[in-house]
C-alpha atoms as a PDB file:
ATOM      1  CA  MET A   1      -8.109   0.416   5.637  1.00  0.00           C
ATOM      2  CA  LYS A   2      -4.561  -0.902   7.045  1.00  0.00           C
ATOM      3  CA  LEU A   3      -1.741   0.780   8.602  1.00  0.00           C
ATOM      4  CA  ALA A   4       1.611  -0.359   7.330  1.00  0.00           C
ATOM      5  CA  ARG A   5       5.391   0.369   7.117  1.00  0.00           C
ATOM      6  CA  VAL A   6       7.247   0.373   3.673  1.00  0.00           C
ATOM      7  CA  LEU A   7       9.868  -2.374   3.791  1.00  0.00           C
ATOM      8  CA  GLY A   8      10.957  -2.050   0.080  1.00  0.00           C
ATOM      9  CA  THR A   9      10.077  -1.973  -3.494  1.00  0.00           C
ATOM     10  CA  VAL A  10       9.138  -4.869  -5.711  1.00  0.00           C
ATOM     11  CA  VAL A  11      10.833  -5.260  -9.083  1.00  0.00           C
ATOM     12  CA  SER A  12       9.220  -7.223 -11.832  1.00  0.00           C
ATOM     13  CA  THR A  13      10.407  -7.688 -15.590  1.00  0.00           C
ATOM     14  CA  ILE A  14       7.165  -9.349 -16.609  1.00  0.00           C
ATOM     15  CA  LYS A  15       3.804  -8.010 -15.262  1.00  0.00           C
ATOM     16  CA  HIS A  16       0.198  -7.166 -16.112  1.00  0.00           C
ATOM     17  CA  PRO A  17      -0.099  -3.892 -18.032  1.00  0.00           C
ATOM     18  CA  ALA A  18      -2.089  -2.421 -15.288  1.00  0.00           C
ATOM     19  CA  PHE A  19       1.138  -2.194 -13.331  1.00  0.00           C
ATOM     20  CA  ASP A  20       3.000  -0.275 -16.011  1.00  0.00           C
ATOM     21  CA  HIS A  21       4.621   2.835 -14.654  1.00  0.00           C
ATOM     22  CA  ARG A  22       3.418   1.950 -11.154  1.00  0.00           C
ATOM     23  CA  THR A  23       5.537   1.368  -8.258  1.00  0.00           C
ATOM     24  CA  LEU A  24       4.987  -1.706  -6.133  1.00  0.00           C
ATOM     25  CA  LEU A  25       5.779  -1.352  -2.480  1.00  0.00           C
ATOM     26  CA  TYR A  26       6.184  -4.271  -0.063  1.00  0.00           C
ATOM     27  CA  CYS A  27       4.708  -3.402   3.434  1.00  0.00           C
ATOM     28  CA  ASP A  28       4.585  -4.758   7.045  1.00  0.00           C
ATOM     29  CA  VAL A  29       0.862  -4.254   8.359  1.00  0.00           C
ATOM     30  CA  LEU A  30       0.887  -2.680  11.700  1.00  0.00           C
ATOM     31  CA  THR A  31      -1.231  -2.620  14.792  1.00  0.00           C
ATOM     32  CA  PRO A  32      -2.662   0.788  15.921  1.00  0.00           C
ATOM     33  CA  ALA A  33       0.060   1.101  18.291  1.00  0.00           C
ATOM     34  CA  GLY A  34       2.645   0.763  15.599  1.00  0.00           C
ATOM     35  CA  ASP A  35       3.975  -2.741  16.083  1.00  0.00           C
ATOM     36  CA  PRO A  36       4.043  -5.372  13.315  1.00  0.00           C
ATOM     37  CA  ASP A  37       0.976  -7.806  13.276  1.00  0.00           C
ATOM     38  CA  GLY A  38       2.725 -10.326  10.963  1.00  0.00           C
ATOM     39  CA  GLN A  39       1.026  -9.674   7.770  1.00  0.00           C
ATOM     40  CA  ARG A  40       2.832  -8.429   4.752  1.00  0.00           C
ATOM     41  CA  ILE A  41       1.271  -7.011   1.744  1.00  0.00           C
ATOM     42  CA  ILE A  42       2.291  -5.755  -1.763  1.00  0.00           C
ATOM     43  CA  ALA A  43       0.524  -2.533  -2.748  1.00  0.00           C
ATOM     44  CA  VAL A  44       0.429   0.032  -5.530  1.00  0.00           C
ATOM     45  CA  ASP A  45       1.912   3.072  -4.562  1.00  0.00           C
ATOM     46  CA  HIS A  46      -0.454   6.142  -5.239  1.00  0.00           C
ATOM     47  CA  VAL A  47       1.154   8.880  -3.073  1.00  0.00           C
ATOM     48  CA  GLN A  48       5.055   8.517  -3.646  1.00  0.00           C
ATOM     49  CA  ALA A  49       5.675   6.889  -0.564  1.00  0.00           C
ATOM     50  CA  GLY A  50       9.354   5.674   0.286  1.00  0.00           C
ATOM     51  CA  VAL A  51      11.040   2.946   2.186  1.00  0.00           C
ATOM     52  CA  GLY A  52      10.320   3.412   5.952  1.00  0.00           C
ATOM     53  CA  ASP A  53       7.364   5.507   5.507  1.00  0.00           C
ATOM     54  CA  THR A  54       4.199   4.656   7.584  1.00  0.00           C
ATOM     55  CA  VAL A  55       1.370   4.390   5.164  1.00  0.00           C
ATOM     56  CA  LEU A  56      -2.459   3.833   4.872  1.00  0.00           C
ATOM     57  CA  ILE A  57      -3.378   1.062   2.564  1.00  0.00           C
ATOM     58  CA  LEU A  58      -6.683   0.562   1.056  1.00  0.00           C
ATOM     59  CA  ASP A  59      -6.919  -3.257   1.024  1.00  0.00           C
ATOM     60  CA  GLU A  60      -9.997  -3.686  -1.015  1.00  0.00           C
ATOM     61  CA  GLY A  61     -10.293  -4.539  -4.682  1.00  0.00           C
ATOM     62  CA  ASN A  62     -13.252  -2.399  -5.797  1.00  0.00           C
ATOM     63  CA  GLY A  63     -12.039   0.787  -3.822  1.00  0.00           C
ATOM     64  CA  ALA A  64      -8.529   0.242  -5.403  1.00  0.00           C
ATOM     65  CA  ARG A  65      -9.868   0.187  -8.918  1.00  0.00           C
ATOM     66  CA  GLN A  66     -11.884   3.348  -8.241  1.00  0.00           C
ATOM     67  CA  ILE A  67      -8.759   5.272  -7.274  1.00  0.00           C
ATOM     68  CA  LEU A  68      -6.595   3.898 -10.236  1.00  0.00           C
ATOM     69  CA  GLY A  69      -9.151   3.733 -12.857  1.00  0.00           C
ATOM     70  CA  PRO A  70     -10.979   1.023 -14.646  1.00  0.00           C
ATOM     71  CA  THR A  71      -7.914  -0.320 -16.525  1.00  0.00           C
ATOM     72  CA  ALA A  72      -6.221  -1.467 -13.317  1.00  0.00           C
ATOM     73  CA  GLN A  73      -8.298  -4.599 -12.997  1.00  0.00           C
ATOM     74  CA  PRO A  74      -5.858  -7.002 -11.137  1.00  0.00           C
ATOM     75  CA  VAL A  75      -5.206  -4.544  -8.364  1.00  0.00           C
ATOM     76  CA  ARG A  76      -6.297  -5.185  -4.812  1.00  0.00           C
ATOM     77  CA  ALA A  77      -4.356  -2.851  -2.553  1.00  0.00           C
ATOM     78  CA  VAL A  78      -3.244   0.802  -2.931  1.00  0.00           C
ATOM     79  CA  ILE A  79      -1.312   3.195  -0.583  1.00  0.00           C
ATOM     80  CA  VAL A  80      -3.511   6.113  -0.381  1.00  0.00           C
ATOM     81  CA  GLY A  81      -1.755   8.205   2.386  1.00  0.00           C
ATOM     82  CA  ILE A  82       1.496   8.762   4.220  1.00  0.00           C
ATOM     83  CA  VAL A  83       1.018   8.878   8.007  1.00  0.00           C
ATOM     84  CA  ASP A  84       2.807  11.739  10.019  1.00  0.00           C
ATOM     85  CA  GLU A  85       1.418  10.496  13.466  1.00  0.00           C
ATOM     86  CA  VAL A  86      -0.929   8.201  14.992  1.00  0.00           C
ATOM     87  CA  GLU A  87      -2.495   9.268  18.331  1.00  0.00           C
ATOM     88  CA  LEU A  88      -4.444   6.652  20.402  1.00  0.00           C
ATOM     89  CA  VAL A  89      -7.017   7.796  22.691  1.00  0.00           C
ATOM     90  CA  ARG A  90      -8.011   5.629  25.689  1.00  0.00           C
END
């Protein structure tokens, strides 16, 4: 799982049928402290996240396909949660 902030949506007129009726979000991966770590990822939104939301991304193809069903074969990353707060215990 990765922690990320949604930067925007990805729009495509031609895409694999597995992405029909699914929203793709462009996300900035974060460190546990909430700072950008330099990675960006496009993920399928499964929880109706919006721009500016902090989200949890499952970035593993097999797990993503299990969430979305067997027809979503080319999917690698799925947003599976919206994060309200991160508490670090030291």
